[in-house]
Amino acid sequence: MKKEDIAKELDDLIKIRTDFYNFLDENIPKDKRGIAYDFSDNPTLDAKSVYSHFHKLDYQARKLRGFLVKAYDLKAE
């Protein structure tokens, strides 16, 4: 795998991660400091949407891991 291909997969991972956090930002209020998510009101999220975002993130991370293991002849555990 070429360095450019790995860079593209990393960019995809960052985009998917950003999408996931944007989803959380849109659905969970922040604390008074505006830093951490405030779960005190127990917001209910659509489980299917949460899973969809997480699955994309997890899939991309596993995909990238496979490329890196192969590219650097690493021992996958």
PDB file of N, CA and C in Angstrom:
ATOM      1  N   MET A   1       0.851  -1.181   0.000  1.00  0.00           N
ATOM      2  CA  MET A   1       0.000   0.000   0.000  1.00  0.00           C
ATOM      3  C   MET A   1       0.890   1.234   0.000  1.00  0.00           C
ATOM      4  N   LYS A   2       0.511   2.198  -0.794  1.00  0.00           N
ATOM      5  CA  LYS A   2       1.271   3.433  -0.902  1.00  0.00           C
ATOM      6  C   LYS A   2       0.978   4.365   0.268  1.00  0.00           C
ATOM      7  N   LYS A   3       1.955   5.210   0.526  1.00  0.00           N
ATOM      8  CA  LYS A   3       1.823   6.206   1.593  1.00  0.00           C
ATOM      9  C   LYS A   3       0.587   7.084   1.366  1.00  0.00           C
ATOM     10  N   GLU A   4       0.321   7.427   0.125  1.00  0.00           N
ATOM     11  CA  GLU A   4      -0.832   8.272  -0.210  1.00  0.00           C
ATOM     12  C   GLU A   4      -2.145   7.568   0.114  1.00  0.00           C
ATOM     13  N   ASP A   5      -2.181   6.257  -0.102  1.00  0.00           N
ATOM     14  CA  ASP A   5      -3.392   5.482   0.199  1.00  0.00           C
ATOM     15  C   ASP A   5      -3.659   5.460   1.703  1.00  0.00           C
ATOM     16  N   ILE A   6      -2.605   5.275   2.473  1.00  0.00           N
ATOM     17  CA  ILE A   6      -2.759   5.273   3.925  1.00  0.00           C
ATOM     18  C   ILE A   6      -3.193   6.653   4.410  1.00  0.00           C
ATOM     19  N   ALA A   7      -2.613   7.712   3.829  1.00  0.00           N
ATOM     20  CA  ALA A   7      -3.004   9.083   4.193  1.00  0.00           C
ATOM     21  C   ALA A   7      -4.480   9.314   3.893  1.00  0.00           C
ATOM     22  N   LYS A   8      -4.969   8.789   2.751  1.00  0.00           N
ATOM     23  CA  LYS A   8      -6.382   8.946   2.414  1.00  0.00           C
ATOM     24  C   LYS A   8      -7.262   8.226   3.436  1.00  0.00           C
ATOM     25  N   GLU A   9      -6.867   7.017   3.824  1.00  0.00           N
ATOM     26  CA  GLU A   9      -7.648   6.264   4.807  1.00  0.00           C
ATOM     27  C   GLU A   9      -7.649   6.967   6.168  1.00  0.00           C
ATOM     28  N   LEU A  10      -6.532   7.576   6.527  1.00  0.00           N
ATOM     29  CA  LEU A  10      -6.486   8.358   7.768  1.00  0.00           C
ATOM     30  C   LEU A  10      -7.412   9.568   7.677  1.00  0.00           C
ATOM     31  N   ASP A  11      -7.405  10.237   6.532  1.00  0.00           N
ATOM     32  CA  ASP A  11      -8.316  11.372   6.331  1.00  0.00           C
ATOM     33  C   ASP A  11      -9.767  10.924   6.450  1.00  0.00           C
ATOM     34  N   ASP A  12     -10.091   9.760   5.888  1.00  0.00           N
ATOM     35  CA  ASP A  12     -11.448   9.222   5.991  1.00  0.00           C
ATOM     36  C   ASP A  12     -11.811   8.954   7.450  1.00  0.00           C
ATOM     37  N   LEU A  13     -10.861   8.401   8.211  1.00  0.00           N
ATOM     38  CA  LEU A  13     -11.100   8.125   9.623  1.00  0.00           C
ATOM     39  C   LEU A  13     -11.395   9.420  10.383  1.00  0.00           C
ATOM     40  N   ILE A  14     -10.618  10.461  10.125  1.00  0.00           N
ATOM     41  CA  ILE A  14     -10.830  11.748  10.803  1.00  0.00           C
ATOM     42  C   ILE A  14     -12.188  12.329  10.426  1.00  0.00           C
ATOM     43  N   LYS A  15     -12.588  12.215   9.154  1.00  0.00           N
ATOM     44  CA  LYS A  15     -13.891  12.740   8.733  1.00  0.00           C
ATOM     45  C   LYS A  15     -15.025  12.008   9.449  1.00  0.00           C
ATOM     46  N   ILE A  16     -14.929  10.683   9.506  1.00  0.00           N
ATOM     47  CA  ILE A  16     -15.973   9.886  10.156  1.00  0.00           C
ATOM     48  C   ILE A  16     -16.029  10.214  11.647  1.00  0.00           C
ATOM     49  N   ARG A  17     -14.872  10.382  12.272  1.00  0.00           N
ATOM     50  CA  ARG A  17     -14.821  10.758  13.690  1.00  0.00           C
ATOM     51  C   ARG A  17     -15.478  12.119  13.907  1.00  0.00           C
ATOM     52  N   THR A  18     -15.183  13.057  13.021  1.00  0.00           N
ATOM     53  CA  THR A  18     -15.780  14.393  13.100  1.00  0.00           C
ATOM     54  C   THR A  18     -17.293  14.310  12.949  1.00  0.00           C
ATOM     55  N   ASP A  19     -17.770  13.509  12.007  1.00  0.00           N
ATOM     56  CA  ASP A  19     -19.215  13.317  11.819  1.00  0.00           C
ATOM     57  C   ASP A  19     -19.861  12.764  13.090  1.00  0.00           C
ATOM     58  N   PHE A  20     -19.182  11.819  13.732  1.00  0.00           N
ATOM     59  CA  PHE A  20     -19.705  11.218  14.957  1.00  0.00           C
ATOM     60  C   PHE A  20     -19.820  12.270  16.059  1.00  0.00           C
ATOM     61  N   TYR A  21     -18.776  13.060  16.243  1.00  0.00           N
ATOM     62  CA  TYR A  21     -18.834  14.112  17.266  1.00  0.00           C
ATOM     63  C   TYR A  21     -19.848  15.197  16.910  1.00  0.00           C
ATOM     64  N   ASN A  22     -20.001  15.515  15.648  1.00  0.00           N
ATOM     65  CA  ASN A  22     -21.034  16.475  15.242  1.00  0.00           C
ATOM     66  C   ASN A  22     -22.420  15.958  15.602  1.00  0.00           C
ATOM     67  N   PHE A  23     -22.644  14.669  15.396  1.00  0.00           N
ATOM     68  CA  PHE A  23     -23.911  14.052  15.772  1.00  0.00           C
ATOM     69  C   PHE A  23     -24.157  14.203  17.273  1.00  0.00           C
ATOM     70  N   LEU A  24     -23.127  13.892  18.076  1.00  0.00           N
ATOM     71  CA  LEU A  24     -23.269  14.047  19.523  1.00  0.00           C
ATOM     72  C   LEU A  24     -23.526  15.502  19.895  1.00  0.00           C
ATOM     73  N   ASP A  25     -22.795  16.414  19.279  1.00  0.00           N
ATOM     74  CA  ASP A  25     -22.981  17.846  19.566  1.00  0.00           C
ATOM     75  C   ASP A  25     -24.399  18.315  19.260  1.00  0.00           C
ATOM     76  N   GLU A  26     -24.981  17.771  18.217  1.00  0.00           N
ATOM     77  CA  GLU A  26     -26.335  18.164  17.824  1.00  0.00           C
ATOM     78  C   GLU A  26     -27.408  17.562  18.740  1.00  0.00           C
ATOM     79  N   ASN A  27     -27.059  16.511  19.457  1.00  0.00           N
ATOM     80  CA  ASN A  27     -28.071  15.785  20.216  1.00  0.00           C
ATOM     81  C   ASN A  27     -27.888  15.770  21.730  1.00  0.00           C
ATOM     82  N   ILE A  28     -26.740  16.214  22.207  1.00  0.00           N
ATOM     83  CA  ILE A  28     -26.484  16.213  23.650  1.00  0.00           C
ATOM     84  C   ILE A  28     -25.986  17.600  24.044  1.00  0.00           C
ATOM     85  N   PRO A  29     -26.645  18.234  25.005  1.00  0.00           N
ATOM     86  CA  PRO A  29     -26.184  19.562  25.428  1.00  0.00           C
ATOM     87  C   PRO A  29     -24.830  19.476  26.131  1.00  0.00           C
ATOM     88  N   LYS A  30     -24.132  20.598  26.155  1.00  0.00           N
ATOM     89  CA  LYS A  30     -22.842  20.682  26.850  1.00  0.00           C
ATOM     90  C   LYS A  30     -23.065  21.200  28.267  1.00  0.00           C
ATOM     91  N   ASP A  31     -22.081  20.979  29.117  1.00  0.00           N
ATOM     92  CA  ASP A  31     -22.155  21.468  30.490  1.00  0.00           C
ATOM     93  C   ASP A  31     -22.027  23.002  30.504  1.00  0.00           C
ATOM     94  N   LYS A  32     -22.081  23.582  31.670  1.00  0.00           N
ATOM     95  CA  LYS A  32     -22.050  25.045  31.793  1.00  0.00           C
ATOM     96  C   LYS A  32     -20.773  25.648  31.229  1.00  0.00           C
ATOM     97  N   ARG A  33     -19.697  24.883  31.289  1.00  0.00           N
ATOM     98  CA  ARG A  33     -18.424  25.369  30.740  1.00  0.00           C
ATOM     99  C   ARG A  33     -18.373  25.223  29.227  1.00  0.00           C
ATOM    100  N   GLY A  34     -19.309  24.461  28.681  1.00  0.00           N
ATOM    101  CA  GLY A  34     -19.343  24.246  27.232  1.00  0.00           C
ATOM    102  C   GLY A  34     -18.287  23.273  26.744  1.00  0.00           C
ATOM    103  N   ILE A  35     -17.779  22.460  27.659  1.00  0.00           N
ATOM    104  CA  ILE A  35     -16.690  21.553  27.300  1.00  0.00           C
ATOM    105  C   ILE A  35     -17.162  20.104  27.198  1.00  0.00           C
ATOM    106  N   ALA A  36     -17.753  19.607  28.267  1.00  0.00           N
ATOM    107  CA  ALA A  36     -18.151  18.195  28.326  1.00  0.00           C
ATOM    108  C   ALA A  36     -19.639  18.045  28.037  1.00  0.00           C
ATOM    109  N   TYR A  37     -20.011  16.864  27.595  1.00  0.00           N
ATOM    110  CA  TYR A  37     -21.427  16.588  27.385  1.00  0.00           C
ATOM    111  C   TYR A  37     -22.126  16.507  28.732  1.00  0.00           C
ATOM    112  N   ASP A  38     -23.327  17.057  28.797  1.00  0.00           N
ATOM    113  CA  ASP A  38     -24.109  17.069  30.029  1.00  0.00           C
ATOM    114  C   ASP A  38     -25.207  16.018  29.919  1.00  0.00           C
ATOM    115  N   PHE A  39     -25.012  14.911  30.611  1.00  0.00           N
ATOM    116  CA  PHE A  39     -25.971  13.819  30.591  1.00  0.00           C
ATOM    117  C   PHE A  39     -26.941  13.888  31.766  1.00  0.00           C
ATOM    118  N   SER A  40     -26.924  14.994  32.503  1.00  0.00           N
ATOM    119  CA  SER A  40     -27.745  15.085  33.717  1.00  0.00           C
ATOM    120  C   SER A  40     -29.234  14.991  33.431  1.00  0.00           C
ATOM    121  N   ASP A  41     -29.661  15.398  32.260  1.00  0.00           N
ATOM    122  CA  ASP A  41     -31.073  15.287  31.898  1.00  0.00           C
ATOM    123  C   ASP A  41     -31.370  13.967  31.194  1.00  0.00           C
ATOM    124  N   ASN A  42     -30.380  13.089  31.184  1.00  0.00           N
ATOM    125  CA  ASN A  42     -30.522  11.788  30.550  1.00  0.00           C
ATOM    126  C   ASN A  42     -31.110  11.890  29.137  1.00  0.00           C
ATOM    127  N   PRO A  43     -30.418  12.603  28.238  1.00  0.00           N
ATOM    128  CA  PRO A  43     -30.971  12.714  26.880  1.00  0.00           C
ATOM    129  C   PRO A  43     -31.076  11.340  26.234  1.00  0.00           C
ATOM    130  N   THR A  44     -32.125  11.156  25.510  1.00  0.00           N
ATOM    131  CA  THR A  44     -32.340   9.901  24.808  1.00  0.00           C
ATOM    132  C   THR A  44     -31.892  10.083  23.365  1.00  0.00           C
ATOM    133  N   LEU A  45     -31.015   9.201  22.944  1.00  0.00           N
ATOM    134  CA  LEU A  45     -30.550   9.232  21.566  1.00  0.00           C
ATOM    135  C   LEU A  45     -31.130   8.050  20.813  1.00  0.00           C
ATOM    136  N   ASP A  46     -31.315   8.232  19.536  1.00  0.00           N
ATOM    137  CA  ASP A  46     -31.776   7.152  18.681  1.00  0.00           C
ATOM    138  C   ASP A  46     -30.652   6.127  18.567  1.00  0.00           C
ATOM    139  N   ALA A  47     -30.859   4.957  19.144  1.00  0.00           N
ATOM    140  CA  ALA A  47     -29.811   3.930  19.184  1.00  0.00           C
ATOM    141  C   ALA A  47     -29.336   3.544  17.790  1.00  0.00           C
ATOM    142  N   LYS A  48     -30.247   3.486  16.840  1.00  0.00           N
ATOM    143  CA  LYS A  48     -29.863   3.118  15.475  1.00  0.00           C
ATOM    144  C   LYS A  48     -28.905   4.151  14.884  1.00  0.00           C
ATOM    145  N   SER A  49     -29.148   5.431  15.140  1.00  0.00           N
ATOM    146  CA  SER A  49     -28.257   6.492  14.644  1.00  0.00           C
ATOM    147  C   SER A  49     -26.897   6.437  15.318  1.00  0.00           C
ATOM    148  N   VAL A  50     -26.905   6.220  16.636  1.00  0.00           N
ATOM    149  CA  VAL A  50     -25.633   6.116  17.363  1.00  0.00           C
ATOM    150  C   VAL A  50     -24.829   4.945  16.817  1.00  0.00           C
ATOM    151  N   TYR A  51     -25.477   3.798  16.665  1.00  0.00           N
ATOM    152  CA  TYR A  51     -24.794   2.617  16.153  1.00  0.00           C
ATOM    153  C   TYR A  51     -24.264   2.860  14.748  1.00  0.00           C
ATOM    154  N   SER A  52     -25.036   3.509  13.909  1.00  0.00           N
ATOM    155  CA  SER A  52     -24.606   3.785  12.540  1.00  0.00           C
ATOM    156  C   SER A  52     -23.319   4.601  12.529  1.00  0.00           C
ATOM    157  N   HIS A  53     -23.269   5.642  13.337  1.00  0.00           N
ATOM    158  CA  HIS A  53     -22.053   6.469  13.416  1.00  0.00           C
ATOM    159  C   HIS A  53     -20.887   5.663  13.973  1.00  0.00           C
ATOM    160  N   PHE A  54     -21.125   4.922  15.043  1.00  0.00           N
ATOM    161  CA  PHE A  54     -20.055   4.139  15.650  1.00  0.00           C
ATOM    162  C   PHE A  54     -19.548   3.061  14.692  1.00  0.00           C
ATOM    163  N   HIS A  55     -20.466   2.398  14.006  1.00  0.00           N
ATOM    164  CA  HIS A  55     -20.074   1.328  13.086  1.00  0.00           C
ATOM    165  C   HIS A  55     -19.155   1.866  11.993  1.00  0.00           C
ATOM    166  N   LYS A  56     -19.479   3.022  11.446  1.00  0.00           N
ATOM    167  CA  LYS A  56     -18.626   3.624  10.409  1.00  0.00           C
ATOM    168  C   LYS A  56     -17.235   3.910  10.963  1.00  0.00           C
ATOM    169  N   LEU A  57     -17.185   4.462  12.161  1.00  0.00           N
ATOM    170  CA  LEU A  57     -15.907   4.784  12.799  1.00  0.00           C
ATOM    171  C   LEU A  57     -15.105   3.506  13.067  1.00  0.00           C
ATOM    172  N   ASP A  58     -15.745   2.506  13.628  1.00  0.00           N
ATOM    173  CA  ASP A  58     -15.082   1.246  13.938  1.00  0.00           C
ATOM    174  C   ASP A  58     -14.606   0.541  12.671  1.00  0.00           C
ATOM    175  N   TYR A  59     -15.451   0.510  11.647  1.00  0.00           N
ATOM    176  CA  TYR A  59     -15.085  -0.141  10.390  1.00  0.00           C
ATOM    177  C   TYR A  59     -13.855   0.517   9.780  1.00  0.00           C
ATOM    178  N   GLN A  60     -13.848   1.845   9.748  1.00  0.00           N
ATOM    179  CA  GLN A  60     -12.722   2.552   9.145  1.00  0.00           C
ATOM    180  C   GLN A  60     -11.438   2.313   9.946  1.00  0.00           C
ATOM    181  N   ALA A  61     -11.541   2.291  11.267  1.00  0.00           N
ATOM    182  CA  ALA A  61     -10.369   2.047  12.101  1.00  0.00           C
ATOM    183  C   ALA A  61      -9.819   0.633  11.863  1.00  0.00           C
ATOM    184  N   ARG A  62     -10.712  -0.350  11.771  1.00  0.00           N
ATOM    185  CA  ARG A  62     -10.271  -1.721  11.516  1.00  0.00           C
ATOM    186  C   ARG A  62      -9.676  -1.854  10.117  1.00  0.00           C
ATOM    187  N   LYS A  63     -10.263  -1.163   9.152  1.00  0.00           N
ATOM    188  CA  LYS A  63      -9.755  -1.178   7.782  1.00  0.00           C
ATOM    189  C   LYS A  63      -8.341  -0.594   7.747  1.00  0.00           C
ATOM    190  N   LEU A  64      -8.166   0.528   8.387  1.00  0.00           N
ATOM    191  CA  LEU A  64      -6.866   1.184   8.430  1.00  0.00           C
ATOM    192  C   LEU A  64      -5.841   0.312   9.157  1.00  0.00           C
ATOM    193  N   ARG A  65      -6.265  -0.306  10.239  1.00  0.00           N
ATOM    194  CA  ARG A  65      -5.363  -1.196  10.983  1.00  0.00           C
ATOM    195  C   ARG A  65      -4.838  -2.304  10.075  1.00  0.00           C
ATOM    196  N   GLY A  66      -5.718  -2.878   9.272  1.00  0.00           N
ATOM    197  CA  GLY A  66      -5.289  -3.925   8.341  1.00  0.00           C
ATOM    198  C   GLY A  66      -4.255  -3.426   7.349  1.00  0.00           C
ATOM    199  N   PHE A  67      -4.469  -2.222   6.821  1.00  0.00           N
ATOM    200  CA  PHE A  67      -3.504  -1.643   5.875  1.00  0.00           C
ATOM    201  C   PHE A  67      -2.156  -1.420   6.546  1.00  0.00           C
ATOM    202  N   LEU A  68      -2.167  -0.907   7.773  1.00  0.00           N
ATOM    203  CA  LEU A  68      -0.923  -0.624   8.477  1.00  0.00           C
ATOM    204  C   LEU A  68      -0.183  -1.909   8.849  1.00  0.00           C
ATOM    205  N   VAL A  69      -0.919  -2.917   9.263  1.00  0.00           N
ATOM    206  CA  VAL A  69      -0.294  -4.206   9.587  1.00  0.00           C
ATOM    207  C   VAL A  69       0.403  -4.758   8.352  1.00  0.00           C
ATOM    208  N   LYS A  70      -0.269  -4.685   7.224  1.00  0.00           N
ATOM    209  CA  LYS A  70       0.303  -5.204   5.994  1.00  0.00           C
ATOM    210  C   LYS A  70       1.468  -4.344   5.501  1.00  0.00           C
ATOM    211  N   ALA A  71       1.303  -3.020   5.529  1.00  0.00           N
ATOM    212  CA  ALA A  71       2.314  -2.106   5.013  1.00  0.00           C
ATOM    213  C   ALA A  71       3.612  -2.169   5.807  1.00  0.00           C
ATOM    214  N   TYR A  72       3.489  -2.370   7.103  1.00  0.00           N
ATOM    215  CA  TYR A  72       4.682  -2.371   7.957  1.00  0.00           C
ATOM    216  C   TYR A  72       5.045  -3.762   8.465  1.00  0.00           C
ATOM    217  N   ASP A  73       4.421  -4.781   7.871  1.00  0.00           N
ATOM    218  CA  ASP A  73       4.700  -6.168   8.221  1.00  0.00           C
ATOM    219  C   ASP A  73       4.658  -6.370   9.742  1.00  0.00           C
ATOM    220  N   LEU A  74       3.591  -5.851  10.331  1.00  0.00           N
ATOM    221  CA  LEU A  74       3.408  -5.952  11.772  1.00  0.00           C
ATOM    222  C   LEU A  74       2.718  -7.269  12.113  1.00  0.00           C
ATOM    223  N   LYS A  75       2.880  -7.688  13.330  1.00  0.00           N
ATOM    224  CA  LYS A  75       2.199  -8.884  13.800  1.00  0.00           C
ATOM    225  C   LYS A  75       0.868  -8.453  14.412  1.00  0.00           C
ATOM    226  N   ALA A  76      -0.219  -8.825  13.788  1.00  0.00           N
ATOM    227  CA  ALA A  76      -1.545  -8.463  14.277  1.00  0.00           C
ATOM    228  C   ALA A  76      -1.937  -9.400  15.402  1.00  0.00           C
ATOM    229  N   GLU A  77      -2.459  -8.837  16.458  1.00  0.00           N
ATOM    230  CA  GLU A  77      -2.911  -9.659  17.585  1.00  0.00           C
ATOM    231  C   GLU A  77      -4.390  -9.489  17.790  1.00  0.00           C
TER     232      GLU A  77
END
